[in-house]
Amino acid sequence: SMSIAAQLATFPIAFYHFHYFSLISVPANVLVFWSVFPIIFLGIFALGFSFLNLGLADFFALLAQLGTSYLIGVTEKMSGFQWSGIEAYEIKWGWVGLLVLASLLFLIKSTKEKDKKLIFAQ
């Protein structure tokens, strides 16, 4: 949800500057998001073990490389679709404003639901 919220929050600015809307960003993030933290930690372990045992460091580096290959593979496959995004050079500000409004309403609703859960948990 954090990744989707970040995409929604930055969409109007990115769309204004790059004139491009990615249709596959959310599904692509769902497919790769879970792999980012393990790849980072495996890389850190590989670096740490490189001072102690090169065989163990190689093992962790291999696992990090496999995870990175998965991440790059999914990214390349998803971006290769012809329908992966929409270019728009004439920006309809009404649509961008509507998206910002929808994002704000979603944020307000999710904040209220979170507050309700906190109240009932006490």
PDB file of N, CA and C in Angstrom:
ATOM      1  N   SER A   1       0.820  -1.200   0.000  1.00  0.00           N
ATOM      2  CA  SER A   1       0.000   0.000   0.000  1.00  0.00           C
ATOM      3  C   SER A   1       0.862   1.261   0.000  1.00  0.00           C
ATOM      4  N   MET A   2       2.043   1.180   0.607  1.00  0.00           N
ATOM      5  CA  MET A   2       2.943   2.343   0.626  1.00  0.00           C
ATOM      6  C   MET A   2       3.404   2.680  -0.786  1.00  0.00           C
ATOM      7  N   SER A   3       3.724   1.664  -1.550  1.00  0.00           N
ATOM      8  CA  SER A   3       4.188   1.877  -2.919  1.00  0.00           C
ATOM      9  C   SER A   3       3.086   2.498  -3.777  1.00  0.00           C
ATOM     10  N   ILE A   4       1.878   1.996  -3.640  1.00  0.00           N
ATOM     11  CA  ILE A   4       0.749   2.530  -4.400  1.00  0.00           C
ATOM     12  C   ILE A   4       0.454   3.963  -3.973  1.00  0.00           C
ATOM     13  N   ALA A   5       0.508   4.223  -2.666  1.00  0.00           N
ATOM     14  CA  ALA A   5       0.273   5.583  -2.175  1.00  0.00           C
ATOM     15  C   ALA A   5       1.332   6.544  -2.710  1.00  0.00           C
ATOM     16  N   ALA A   6       2.580   6.111  -2.758  1.00  0.00           N
ATOM     17  CA  ALA A   6       3.639   6.966  -3.289  1.00  0.00           C
ATOM     18  C   ALA A   6       3.422   7.248  -4.777  1.00  0.00           C
ATOM     19  N   GLN A   7       2.979   6.256  -5.517  1.00  0.00           N
ATOM     20  CA  GLN A   7       2.713   6.456  -6.941  1.00  0.00           C
ATOM     21  C   GLN A   7       1.561   7.423  -7.161  1.00  0.00           C
ATOM     22  N   LEU A   8       0.511   7.284  -6.376  1.00  0.00           N
ATOM     23  CA  LEU A   8      -0.624   8.195  -6.504  1.00  0.00           C
ATOM     24  C   LEU A   8      -0.243   9.619  -6.111  1.00  0.00           C
ATOM     25  N   ALA A   9       0.572   9.747  -5.078  1.00  0.00           N
ATOM     26  CA  ALA A   9       0.949  11.080  -4.609  1.00  0.00           C
ATOM     27  C   ALA A   9       1.850  11.805  -5.607  1.00  0.00           C
ATOM     28  N   THR A  10       2.709  11.074  -6.287  1.00  0.00           N
ATOM     29  CA  THR A  10       3.647  11.711  -7.212  1.00  0.00           C
ATOM     30  C   THR A  10       3.138  11.744  -8.651  1.00  0.00           C
ATOM     31  N   PHE A  11       2.013  11.096  -8.901  1.00  0.00           N
ATOM     32  CA  PHE A  11       1.513  11.013 -10.270  1.00  0.00           C
ATOM     33  C   PHE A  11       1.322  12.360 -10.946  1.00  0.00           C
ATOM     34  N   PRO A  12       0.630  13.327 -10.331  1.00  0.00           N
ATOM     35  CA  PRO A  12       0.401  14.589 -11.063  1.00  0.00           C
ATOM     36  C   PRO A  12       1.700  15.289 -11.472  1.00  0.00           C
ATOM     37  N   ILE A  13       2.673  15.298 -10.600  1.00  0.00           N
ATOM     38  CA  ILE A  13       3.947  15.965 -10.918  1.00  0.00           C
ATOM     39  C   ILE A  13       4.694  15.202 -12.009  1.00  0.00           C
ATOM     40  N   ALA A  14       4.756  13.886 -11.865  1.00  0.00           N
ATOM     41  CA  ALA A  14       5.449  13.083 -12.876  1.00  0.00           C
ATOM     42  C   ALA A  14       4.754  13.165 -14.222  1.00  0.00           C
ATOM     43  N   PHE A  15       3.442  13.140 -14.217  1.00  0.00           N
ATOM     44  CA  PHE A  15       2.693  13.216 -15.470  1.00  0.00           C
ATOM     45  C   PHE A  15       2.901  14.567 -16.143  1.00  0.00           C
ATOM     46  N   TYR A  16       2.933  15.619 -15.349  1.00  0.00           N
ATOM     47  CA  TYR A  16       3.135  16.958 -15.888  1.00  0.00           C
ATOM     48  C   TYR A  16       4.512  17.080 -16.552  1.00  0.00           C
ATOM     49  N   HIS A  17       5.531  16.543 -15.903  1.00  0.00           N
ATOM     50  CA  HIS A  17       6.895  16.700 -16.422  1.00  0.00           C
ATOM     51  C   HIS A  17       7.249  15.712 -17.533  1.00  0.00           C
ATOM     52  N   PHE A  18       6.762  14.483 -17.432  1.00  0.00           N
ATOM     53  CA  PHE A  18       7.168  13.441 -18.384  1.00  0.00           C
ATOM     54  C   PHE A  18       6.100  13.114 -19.420  1.00  0.00           C
ATOM     55  N   HIS A  19       4.870  13.582 -19.224  1.00  0.00           N
ATOM     56  CA  HIS A  19       3.764  13.347 -20.161  1.00  0.00           C
ATOM     57  C   HIS A  19       3.554  11.854 -20.413  1.00  0.00           C
ATOM     58  N   TYR A  20       3.682  11.058 -19.357  1.00  0.00           N
ATOM     59  CA  TYR A  20       3.565   9.610 -19.498  1.00  0.00           C
ATOM     60  C   TYR A  20       2.864   9.052 -18.264  1.00  0.00           C
ATOM     61  N   PHE A  21       1.946   8.134 -18.505  1.00  0.00           N
ATOM     62  CA  PHE A  21       1.244   7.453 -17.424  1.00  0.00           C
ATOM     63  C   PHE A  21       1.445   5.957 -17.600  1.00  0.00           C
ATOM     64  N   SER A  22       2.036   5.322 -16.609  1.00  0.00           N
ATOM     65  CA  SER A  22       2.300   3.894 -16.679  1.00  0.00           C
ATOM     66  C   SER A  22       1.079   3.112 -16.206  1.00  0.00           C
ATOM     67  N   LEU A  23       0.612   2.218 -17.057  1.00  0.00           N
ATOM     68  CA  LEU A  23      -0.523   1.369 -16.703  1.00  0.00           C
ATOM     69  C   LEU A  23      -0.093   0.121 -15.944  1.00  0.00           C
ATOM     70  N   ILE A  24       1.190  -0.177 -15.974  1.00  0.00           N
ATOM     71  CA  ILE A  24       1.660  -1.416 -15.356  1.00  0.00           C
ATOM     72  C   ILE A  24       2.461  -1.186 -14.083  1.00  0.00           C
ATOM     73  N   SER A  25       2.554   0.050 -13.630  1.00  0.00           N
ATOM     74  CA  SER A  25       3.392   0.320 -12.465  1.00  0.00           C
ATOM     75  C   SER A  25       2.892  -0.396 -11.212  1.00  0.00           C
ATOM     76  N   VAL A  26       1.608  -0.395 -10.982  1.00  0.00           N
ATOM     77  CA  VAL A  26       1.084  -1.054  -9.781  1.00  0.00           C
ATOM     78  C   VAL A  26       1.253  -2.573  -9.860  1.00  0.00           C
ATOM     79  N   PRO A  27       0.830  -3.243 -10.957  1.00  0.00           N
ATOM     80  CA  PRO A  27       1.059  -4.693 -11.016  1.00  0.00           C
ATOM     81  C   PRO A  27       2.550  -5.061 -10.975  1.00  0.00           C
ATOM     82  N   ALA A  28       3.387  -4.260 -11.614  1.00  0.00           N
ATOM     83  CA  ALA A  28       4.825  -4.548 -11.592  1.00  0.00           C
ATOM     84  C   ALA A  28       5.375  -4.425 -10.173  1.00  0.00           C
ATOM     85  N   ASN A  29       4.929  -3.405  -9.448  1.00  0.00           N
ATOM     86  CA  ASN A  29       5.396  -3.251  -8.069  1.00  0.00           C
ATOM     87  C   ASN A  29       4.915  -4.383  -7.177  1.00  0.00           C
ATOM     88  N   VAL A  30       3.714  -4.867  -7.416  1.00  0.00           N
ATOM     89  CA  VAL A  30       3.214  -5.998  -6.633  1.00  0.00           C
ATOM     90  C   VAL A  30       4.088  -7.231  -6.878  1.00  0.00           C
ATOM     91  N   LEU A  31       4.531  -7.405  -8.113  1.00  0.00           N
ATOM     92  CA  LEU A  31       5.353  -8.572  -8.446  1.00  0.00           C
ATOM     93  C   LEU A  31       6.780  -8.483  -7.911  1.00  0.00           C
ATOM     94  N   VAL A  32       7.331  -7.283  -7.798  1.00  0.00           N
ATOM     95  CA  VAL A  32       8.742  -7.176  -7.411  1.00  0.00           C
ATOM     96  C   VAL A  32       8.971  -6.613  -6.016  1.00  0.00           C
ATOM     97  N   PHE A  33       7.974  -5.967  -5.419  1.00  0.00           N
ATOM     98  CA  PHE A  33       8.195  -5.290  -4.143  1.00  0.00           C
ATOM     99  C   PHE A  33       8.707  -6.242  -3.068  1.00  0.00           C
ATOM    100  N   TRP A  34       8.164  -7.429  -3.003  1.00  0.00           N
ATOM    101  CA  TRP A  34       8.543  -8.378  -1.963  1.00  0.00           C
ATOM    102  C   TRP A  34      10.002  -8.814  -2.085  1.00  0.00           C
ATOM    103  N   SER A  35      10.598  -8.662  -3.271  1.00  0.00           N
ATOM    104  CA  SER A  35      11.966  -9.149  -3.475  1.00  0.00           C
ATOM    105  C   SER A  35      13.043  -8.110  -3.165  1.00  0.00           C
ATOM    106  N   VAL A  36      12.675  -6.855  -3.016  1.00  0.00           N
ATOM    107  CA  VAL A  36      13.679  -5.801  -2.849  1.00  0.00           C
ATOM    108  C   VAL A  36      14.425  -5.940  -1.526  1.00  0.00           C
ATOM    109  N   PHE A  37      13.718  -6.057  -0.422  1.00  0.00           N
ATOM    110  CA  PHE A  37      14.386  -6.127   0.870  1.00  0.00           C
ATOM    111  C   PHE A  37      15.254  -7.372   1.021  1.00  0.00           C
ATOM    112  N   PRO A  38      14.792  -8.561   0.609  1.00  0.00           N
ATOM    113  CA  PRO A  38      15.700  -9.714   0.680  1.00  0.00           C
ATOM    114  C   PRO A  38      16.970  -9.527  -0.167  1.00  0.00           C
ATOM    115  N   ILE A  39      16.845  -8.908  -1.327  1.00  0.00           N
ATOM    116  CA  ILE A  39      18.022  -8.670  -2.172  1.00  0.00           C
ATOM    117  C   ILE A  39      19.003  -7.748  -1.454  1.00  0.00           C
ATOM    118  N   ILE A  40      18.486  -6.700  -0.834  1.00  0.00           N
ATOM    119  CA  ILE A  40      19.357  -5.773  -0.106  1.00  0.00           C
ATOM    120  C   ILE A  40      20.057  -6.484   1.046  1.00  0.00           C
ATOM    121  N   PHE A  41      19.306  -7.244   1.826  1.00  0.00           N
ATOM    122  CA  PHE A  41      19.910  -7.932   2.959  1.00  0.00           C
ATOM    123  C   PHE A  41      20.901  -9.004   2.518  1.00  0.00           C
ATOM    124  N   LEU A  42      20.598  -9.714   1.446  1.00  0.00           N
ATOM    125  CA  LEU A  42      21.547 -10.702   0.933  1.00  0.00           C
ATOM    126  C   LEU A  42      22.838 -10.026   0.477  1.00  0.00           C
ATOM    127  N   GLY A  43      22.720  -8.873  -0.136  1.00  0.00           N
ATOM    128  CA  GLY A  43      23.915  -8.119  -0.529  1.00  0.00           C
ATOM    129  C   GLY A  43      24.725  -7.672   0.672  1.00  0.00           C
ATOM    130  N   ILE A  44      24.037  -7.232   1.715  1.00  0.00           N
ATOM    131  CA  ILE A  44      24.736  -6.828   2.944  1.00  0.00           C
ATOM    132  C   ILE A  44      25.428  -8.026   3.578  1.00  0.00           C
ATOM    133  N   PHE A  45      24.752  -9.173   3.618  1.00  0.00           N
ATOM    134  CA  PHE A  45      25.370 -10.383   4.161  1.00  0.00           C
ATOM    135  C   PHE A  45      26.588 -10.783   3.333  1.00  0.00           C
ATOM    136  N   ALA A  46      26.462 -10.702   2.019  1.00  0.00           N
ATOM    137  CA  ALA A  46      27.590 -11.054   1.153  1.00  0.00           C
ATOM    138  C   ALA A  46      28.783 -10.145   1.434  1.00  0.00           C
ATOM    139  N   LEU A  47      28.524  -8.871   1.581  1.00  0.00           N
ATOM    140  CA  LEU A  47      29.597  -7.926   1.884  1.00  0.00           C
ATOM    141  C   LEU A  47      30.217  -8.227   3.240  1.00  0.00           C
ATOM    142  N   GLY A  48      29.373  -8.466   4.238  1.00  0.00           N
ATOM    143  CA  GLY A  48      29.881  -8.761   5.575  1.00  0.00           C
ATOM    144  C   GLY A  48      30.697 -10.039   5.624  1.00  0.00           C
ATOM    145  N   PHE A  49      30.198 -11.088   4.978  1.00  0.00           N
ATOM    146  CA  PHE A  49      30.925 -12.359   4.994  1.00  0.00           C
ATOM    147  C   PHE A  49      32.168 -12.339   4.111  1.00  0.00           C
ATOM    148  N   SER A  50      32.279 -11.363   3.221  1.00  0.00           N
ATOM    149  CA  SER A  50      33.469 -11.306   2.362  1.00  0.00           C
ATOM    150  C   SER A  50      34.721 -11.044   3.179  1.00  0.00           C
ATOM    151  N   PHE A  51      34.573 -10.490   4.376  1.00  0.00           N
ATOM    152  CA  PHE A  51      35.718 -10.261   5.247  1.00  0.00           C
ATOM    153  C   PHE A  51      36.069 -11.508   6.049  1.00  0.00           C
ATOM    154  N   LEU A  52      35.131 -12.456   6.141  1.00  0.00           N
ATOM    155  CA  LEU A  52      35.337 -13.640   6.974  1.00  0.00           C
ATOM    156  C   LEU A  52      35.520 -14.926   6.180  1.00  0.00           C
ATOM    157  N   ASN A  53      34.648 -15.152   5.205  1.00  0.00           N
ATOM    158  CA  ASN A  53      34.652 -16.416   4.477  1.00  0.00           C
ATOM    159  C   ASN A  53      34.145 -16.148   3.057  1.00  0.00           C
ATOM    160  N   LEU A  54      35.033 -16.264   2.090  1.00  0.00           N
ATOM    161  CA  LEU A  54      34.653 -15.951   0.712  1.00  0.00           C
ATOM    162  C   LEU A  54      33.632 -16.933   0.145  1.00  0.00           C
ATOM    163  N   GLY A  55      33.669 -18.177   0.556  1.00  0.00           N
ATOM    164  CA  GLY A  55      32.696 -19.156   0.080  1.00  0.00           C
ATOM    165  C   GLY A  55      31.288 -18.787   0.512  1.00  0.00           C
ATOM    166  N   LEU A  56      31.154 -18.406   1.773  1.00  0.00           N
ATOM    167  CA  LEU A  56      29.849 -17.993   2.277  1.00  0.00           C
ATOM    168  C   LEU A  56      29.400 -16.681   1.628  1.00  0.00           C
ATOM    169  N   ALA A  57      30.351 -15.780   1.413  1.00  0.00           N
ATOM    170  CA  ALA A  57      30.034 -14.514   0.739  1.00  0.00           C
ATOM    171  C   ALA A  57      29.547 -14.781  -0.685  1.00  0.00           C
ATOM    172  N   ASP A  58      30.199 -15.718  -1.373  1.00  0.00           N
ATOM    173  CA  ASP A  58      29.769 -16.070  -2.730  1.00  0.00           C
ATOM    174  C   ASP A  58      28.353 -16.633  -2.742  1.00  0.00           C
ATOM    175  N   PHE A  59      28.027 -17.437  -1.740  1.00  0.00           N
ATOM    176  CA  PHE A  59      26.688 -18.011  -1.650  1.00  0.00           C
ATOM    177  C   PHE A  59      25.625 -16.917  -1.528  1.00  0.00           C
ATOM    178  N   PHE A  60      25.845 -15.974  -0.600  1.00  0.00           N
ATOM    179  CA  PHE A  60      24.879 -14.887  -0.429  1.00  0.00           C
ATOM    180  C   PHE A  60      24.838 -13.980  -1.653  1.00  0.00           C
ATOM    181  N   ALA A  61      25.988 -13.764  -2.287  1.00  0.00           N
ATOM    182  CA  ALA A  61      26.028 -12.938  -3.503  1.00  0.00           C
ATOM    183  C   ALA A  61      25.264 -13.623  -4.633  1.00  0.00           C
ATOM    184  N   LEU A  62      25.362 -14.948  -4.730  1.00  0.00           N
ATOM    185  CA  LEU A  62      24.627 -15.690  -5.748  1.00  0.00           C
ATOM    186  C   LEU A  62      23.119 -15.557  -5.532  1.00  0.00           C
ATOM    187  N   LEU A  63      22.697 -15.672  -4.272  1.00  0.00           N
ATOM    188  CA  LEU A  63      21.268 -15.508  -3.974  1.00  0.00           C
ATOM    189  C   LEU A  63      20.801 -14.094  -4.309  1.00  0.00           C
ATOM    190  N   ALA A  64      21.622 -13.094  -3.997  1.00  0.00           N
ATOM    191  CA  ALA A  64      21.267 -11.709  -4.328  1.00  0.00           C
ATOM    192  C   ALA A  64      21.209 -11.527  -5.839  1.00  0.00           C
ATOM    193  N   GLN A  65      22.117 -12.185  -6.555  1.00  0.00           N
ATOM    194  CA  GLN A  65      22.126 -12.090  -8.015  1.00  0.00           C
ATOM    195  C   GLN A  65      20.869 -12.737  -8.608  1.00  0.00           C
ATOM    196  N   LEU A  66      20.455 -13.866  -8.055  1.00  0.00           N
ATOM    197  CA  LEU A  66      19.226 -14.511  -8.533  1.00  0.00           C
ATOM    198  C   LEU A  66      18.019 -13.603  -8.310  1.00  0.00           C
ATOM    199  N   GLY A  67      17.947 -12.980  -7.132  1.00  0.00           N
ATOM    200  CA  GLY A  67      16.853 -12.060  -6.857  1.00  0.00           C
ATOM    201  C   GLY A  67      16.874 -10.857  -7.778  1.00  0.00           C
ATOM    202  N   THR A  68      18.066 -10.341  -8.038  1.00  0.00           N
ATOM    203  CA  THR A  68      18.196  -9.202  -8.943  1.00  0.00           C
ATOM    204  C   THR A  68      17.811  -9.591 -10.363  1.00  0.00           C
ATOM    205  N   SER A  69      18.175 -10.788 -10.777  1.00  0.00           N
ATOM    206  CA  SER A  69      17.780 -11.264 -12.108  1.00  0.00           C
ATOM    207  C   SER A  69      16.265 -11.363 -12.228  1.00  0.00           C
ATOM    208  N   TYR A  70      15.610 -11.835 -11.163  1.00  0.00           N
ATOM    209  CA  TYR A  70      14.144 -11.891 -11.153  1.00  0.00           C
ATOM    210  C   TYR A  70      13.563 -10.487 -11.294  1.00  0.00           C
ATOM    211  N   LEU A  71      14.076  -9.557 -10.504  1.00  0.00           N
ATOM    212  CA  LEU A  71      13.575  -8.187 -10.520  1.00  0.00           C
ATOM    213  C   LEU A  71      13.731  -7.555 -11.896  1.00  0.00           C
ATOM    214  N   ILE A  72      14.896  -7.710 -12.494  1.00  0.00           N
ATOM    215  CA  ILE A  72      15.144  -7.144 -13.823  1.00  0.00           C
ATOM    216  C   ILE A  72      14.292  -7.840 -14.874  1.00  0.00           C
ATOM    217  N   GLY A  73      14.150  -9.163 -14.760  1.00  0.00           N
ATOM    218  CA  GLY A  73      13.337  -9.914 -15.716  1.00  0.00           C
ATOM    219  C   GLY A  73      11.884  -9.471 -15.716  1.00  0.00           C
ATOM    220  N   VAL A  74      11.317  -9.320 -14.520  1.00  0.00           N
ATOM    221  CA  VAL A  74       9.926  -8.865 -14.426  1.00  0.00           C
ATOM    222  C   VAL A  74       9.791  -7.459 -14.992  1.00  0.00           C
ATOM    223  N   THR A  75      10.743  -6.599 -14.674  1.00  0.00           N
ATOM    224  CA  THR A  75      10.697  -5.221 -15.163  1.00  0.00           C
ATOM    225  C   THR A  75      10.762  -5.171 -16.682  1.00  0.00           C
ATOM    226  N   GLU A  76      11.670  -5.930 -17.261  1.00  0.00           N
ATOM    227  CA  GLU A  76      11.789  -5.948 -18.724  1.00  0.00           C
ATOM    228  C   GLU A  76      10.553  -6.536 -19.378  1.00  0.00           C
ATOM    229  N   LYS A  77      10.030  -7.612 -18.818  1.00  0.00           N
ATOM    230  CA  LYS A  77       8.849  -8.261 -19.385  1.00  0.00           C
ATOM    231  C   LYS A  77       7.636  -7.333 -19.328  1.00  0.00           C
ATOM    232  N   MET A  78       7.439  -6.692 -18.183  1.00  0.00           N
ATOM    233  CA  MET A  78       6.282  -5.815 -18.033  1.00  0.00           C
ATOM    234  C   MET A  78       6.400  -4.567 -18.911  1.00  0.00           C
ATOM    235  N   SER A  79       7.581  -4.025 -19.048  1.00  0.00           N
ATOM    236  CA  SER A  79       7.738  -2.807 -19.849  1.00  0.00           C
ATOM    237  C   SER A  79       7.685  -3.098 -21.342  1.00  0.00           C
ATOM    238  N   GLY A  80       7.817  -4.360 -21.724  1.00  0.00           N
ATOM    239  CA  GLY A  80       7.784  -4.724 -23.127  1.00  0.00           C
ATOM    240  C   GLY A  80       6.388  -4.753 -23.732  1.00  0.00           C
ATOM    241  N   PHE A  81       5.370  -4.723 -22.889  1.00  0.00           N
ATOM    242  CA  PHE A  81       4.006  -4.731 -23.402  1.00  0.00           C
ATOM    243  C   PHE A  81       3.711  -3.413 -24.118  1.00  0.00           C
ATOM    244  N   GLN A  82       3.042  -3.518 -25.232  1.00  0.00           N
ATOM    245  CA  GLN A  82       2.722  -2.332 -26.021  1.00  0.00           C
ATOM    246  C   GLN A  82       1.782  -1.396 -25.249  1.00  0.00           C
ATOM    247  N   TRP A  83       0.960  -1.950 -24.422  1.00  0.00           N
ATOM    248  CA  TRP A  83      -0.024  -1.175 -23.668  1.00  0.00           C
ATOM    249  C   TRP A  83       0.479  -0.784 -22.288  1.00  0.00           C
ATOM    250  N   SER A  84       1.803  -0.786 -22.068  1.00  0.00           N
ATOM    251  CA  SER A  84       2.338  -0.549 -20.730  1.00  0.00           C
ATOM    252  C   SER A  84       2.167   0.883 -20.239  1.00  0.00           C
ATOM    253  N   GLY A  85       1.921   1.810 -21.144  1.00  0.00           N
ATOM    254  CA  GLY A  85       1.750   3.182 -20.699  1.00  0.00           C
ATOM    255  C   GLY A  85       1.066   4.039 -21.743  1.00  0.00           C
ATOM    256  N   ILE A  86       0.714   5.230 -21.323  1.00  0.00           N
ATOM    257  CA  ILE A  86       0.029   6.176 -22.196  1.00  0.00           C
ATOM    258  C   ILE A  86       0.834   7.471 -22.218  1.00  0.00           C
ATOM    259  N   GLU A  87       1.128   7.944 -23.410  1.00  0.00           N
ATOM    260  CA  GLU A  87       1.768   9.245 -23.555  1.00  0.00           C
ATOM    261  C   GLU A  87       0.689  10.277 -23.836  1.00  0.00           C
ATOM    262  N   ALA A  88       0.805  11.410 -23.186  1.00  0.00           N
ATOM    263  CA  ALA A  88      -0.179  12.478 -23.392  1.00  0.00           C
ATOM    264  C   ALA A  88       0.544  13.812 -23.315  1.00  0.00           C
ATOM    265  N   TYR A  89       0.553  14.506 -24.409  1.00  0.00           N
ATOM    266  CA  TYR A  89       1.238  15.791 -24.437  1.00  0.00           C
ATOM    267  C   TYR A  89       0.297  16.955 -24.152  1.00  0.00           C
ATOM    268  N   GLU A  90      -0.977  16.738 -24.341  1.00  0.00           N
ATOM    269  CA  GLU A  90      -1.954  17.742 -23.965  1.00  0.00           C
ATOM    270  C   GLU A  90      -2.600  17.287 -22.667  1.00  0.00           C
ATOM    271  N   ILE A  91      -2.258  17.967 -21.599  1.00  0.00           N
ATOM    272  CA  ILE A  91      -2.734  17.570 -20.283  1.00  0.00           C
ATOM    273  C   ILE A  91      -4.101  18.190 -20.029  1.00  0.00           C
ATOM    274  N   LYS A  92      -5.027  17.364 -19.683  1.00  0.00           N
ATOM    275  CA  LYS A  92      -6.355  17.820 -19.290  1.00  0.00           C
ATOM    276  C   LYS A  92      -6.334  18.010 -17.776  1.00  0.00           C
ATOM    277  N   TRP A  93      -6.241  19.254 -17.343  1.00  0.00           N
ATOM    278  CA  TRP A  93      -6.071  19.539 -15.925  1.00  0.00           C
ATOM    279  C   TRP A  93      -7.256  19.082 -15.098  1.00  0.00           C
ATOM    280  N   GLY A  94      -8.407  18.986 -15.698  1.00  0.00           N
ATOM    281  CA  GLY A  94      -9.558  18.485 -14.965  1.00  0.00           C
ATOM    282  C   GLY A  94      -9.351  17.053 -14.509  1.00  0.00           C
ATOM    283  N   TRP A  95      -8.784  16.222 -15.371  1.00  0.00           N
ATOM    284  CA  TRP A  95      -8.520  14.822 -15.014  1.00  0.00           C
ATOM    285  C   TRP A  95      -7.451  14.721 -13.938  1.00  0.00           C
ATOM    286  N   VAL A  96      -6.411  15.535 -14.058  1.00  0.00           N
ATOM    287  CA  VAL A  96      -5.360  15.519 -13.042  1.00  0.00           C
ATOM    288  C   VAL A  96      -5.935  15.982 -11.704  1.00  0.00           C
ATOM    289  N   GLY A  97      -6.745  17.033 -11.739  1.00  0.00           N
ATOM    290  CA  GLY A  97      -7.384  17.503 -10.512  1.00  0.00           C
ATOM    291  C   GLY A  97      -8.300  16.455  -9.907  1.00  0.00           C
ATOM    292  N   LEU A  98      -9.032  15.745 -10.762  1.00  0.00           N
ATOM    293  CA  LEU A  98      -9.907  14.678 -10.283  1.00  0.00           C
ATOM    294  C   LEU A  98      -9.094  13.562  -9.629  1.00  0.00           C
ATOM    295  N   LEU A  99      -7.962  13.228 -10.203  1.00  0.00           N
ATOM    296  CA  LEU A  99      -7.098  12.199  -9.615  1.00  0.00           C
ATOM    297  C   LEU A  99      -6.543  12.653  -8.275  1.00  0.00           C
ATOM    298  N   VAL A 100      -6.123  13.905  -8.185  1.00  0.00           N
ATOM    299  CA  VAL A 100      -5.628  14.431  -6.908  1.00  0.00           C
ATOM    300  C   VAL A 100      -6.736  14.396  -5.865  1.00  0.00           C
ATOM    301  N   LEU A 101      -7.943  14.793  -6.244  1.00  0.00           N
ATOM    302  CA  LEU A 101      -9.075  14.757  -5.330  1.00  0.00           C
ATOM    303  C   LEU A 101      -9.376  13.330  -4.874  1.00  0.00           C
ATOM    304  N   ALA A 102      -9.376  12.391  -5.814  1.00  0.00           N
ATOM    305  CA  ALA A 102      -9.615  10.982  -5.460  1.00  0.00           C
ATOM    306  C   ALA A 102      -8.522  10.473  -4.523  1.00  0.00           C
ATOM    307  N   SER A 103      -7.283  10.856  -4.765  1.00  0.00           N
ATOM    308  CA  SER A 103      -6.180  10.443  -3.892  1.00  0.00           C
ATOM    309  C   SER A 103      -6.365  10.995  -2.485  1.00  0.00           C
ATOM    310  N   LEU A 104      -6.756  12.262  -2.395  1.00  0.00           N
ATOM    311  CA  LEU A 104      -6.980  12.867  -1.081  1.00  0.00           C
ATOM    312  C   LEU A 104      -8.132  12.195  -0.345  1.00  0.00           C
ATOM    313  N   LEU A 105      -9.215  11.895  -1.059  1.00  0.00           N
ATOM    314  CA  LEU A 105     -10.343  11.207  -0.429  1.00  0.00           C
ATOM    315  C   LEU A 105      -9.944   9.816   0.060  1.00  0.00           C
ATOM    316  N   PHE A 106      -9.155   9.114  -0.740  1.00  0.00           N
ATOM    317  CA  PHE A 106      -8.661   7.789  -0.336  1.00  0.00           C
ATOM    318  C   PHE A 106      -7.787   7.909   0.905  1.00  0.00           C
ATOM    319  N   LEU A 107      -6.926   8.916   0.936  1.00  0.00           N
ATOM    320  CA  LEU A 107      -6.042   9.132   2.078  1.00  0.00           C
ATOM    321  C   LEU A 107      -6.845   9.456   3.335  1.00  0.00           C
ATOM    322  N   ILE A 108      -7.835  10.320   3.204  1.00  0.00           N
ATOM    323  CA  ILE A 108      -8.671  10.683   4.352  1.00  0.00           C
ATOM    324  C   ILE A 108      -9.448   9.474   4.857  1.00  0.00           C
ATOM    325  N   LYS A 109     -10.001   8.693   3.931  1.00  0.00           N
ATOM    326  CA  LYS A 109     -10.768   7.505   4.323  1.00  0.00           C
ATOM    327  C   LYS A 109      -9.881   6.482   5.029  1.00  0.00           C
ATOM    328  N   SER A 110      -8.691   6.235   4.481  1.00  0.00           N
ATOM    329  CA  SER A 110      -7.806   5.248   5.101  1.00  0.00           C
ATOM    330  C   SER A 110      -7.303   5.729   6.454  1.00  0.00           C
ATOM    331  N   THR A 111      -7.115   7.038   6.615  1.00  0.00           N
ATOM    332  CA  THR A 111      -6.694   7.587   7.902  1.00  0.00           C
ATOM    333  C   THR A 111      -7.800   7.428   8.935  1.00  0.00           C
ATOM    334  N   LYS A 112      -9.049   7.678   8.527  1.00  0.00           N
ATOM    335  CA  LYS A 112     -10.178   7.516   9.449  1.00  0.00           C
ATOM    336  C   LYS A 112     -10.334   6.053   9.856  1.00  0.00           C
ATOM    337  N   GLU A 113     -10.158   5.125   8.913  1.00  0.00           N
ATOM    338  CA  GLU A 113     -10.267   3.699   9.241  1.00  0.00           C
ATOM    339  C   GLU A 113      -9.174   3.284  10.204  1.00  0.00           C
ATOM    340  N   LYS A 114      -7.985   3.827  10.024  1.00  0.00           N
ATOM    341  CA  LYS A 114      -6.877   3.504  10.909  1.00  0.00           C
ATOM    342  C   LYS A 114      -7.161   4.049  12.307  1.00  0.00           C
ATOM    343  N   ASP A 115      -7.720   5.266  12.370  1.00  0.00           N
ATOM    344  CA  ASP A 115      -8.067   5.846  13.680  1.00  0.00           C
ATOM    345  C   ASP A 115      -9.144   5.028  14.368  1.00  0.00           C
ATOM    346  N   LYS A 116     -10.129   4.515  13.610  1.00  0.00           N
ATOM    347  CA  LYS A 116     -11.180   3.671  14.182  1.00  0.00           C
ATOM    348  C   LYS A 116     -10.570   2.404  14.765  1.00  0.00           C
ATOM    349  N   LYS A 117      -9.640   1.808  14.050  1.00  0.00           N
ATOM    350  CA  LYS A 117      -9.001   0.585  14.552  1.00  0.00           C
ATOM    351  C   LYS A 117      -8.244   0.858  15.831  1.00  0.00           C
ATOM    352  N   LEU A 118      -7.589   2.020  15.909  1.00  0.00           N
ATOM    353  CA  LEU A 118      -6.853   2.364  17.123  1.00  0.00           C
ATOM    354  C   LEU A 118      -7.796   2.594  18.303  1.00  0.00           C
ATOM    355  N   ILE A 119      -8.946   3.214  18.043  1.00  0.00           N
ATOM    356  CA  ILE A 119      -9.904   3.471  19.114  1.00  0.00           C
ATOM    357  C   ILE A 119     -10.479   2.151  19.634  1.00  0.00           C
ATOM    358  N   PHE A 120     -10.847   1.237  18.735  1.00  0.00           N
ATOM    359  CA  PHE A 120     -11.415  -0.034  19.145  1.00  0.00           C
ATOM    360  C   PHE A 120     -10.377  -0.961  19.792  1.00  0.00           C
ATOM    361  N   ALA A 121      -9.115  -0.756  19.484  1.00  0.00           N
ATOM    362  CA  ALA A 121      -8.072  -1.599  20.042  1.00  0.00           C
ATOM    363  C   ALA A 121      -7.801  -1.233  21.511  1.00  0.00           C
ATOM    364  N   GLN A 122      -8.147   0.003  21.888  1.00  0.00           N
ATOM    365  CA  GLN A 122      -7.885   0.434  23.258  1.00  0.00           C
ATOM    366  C   GLN A 122      -8.957  -0.087  24.136  1.00  0.00           C
TER     367      GLN A 122
END
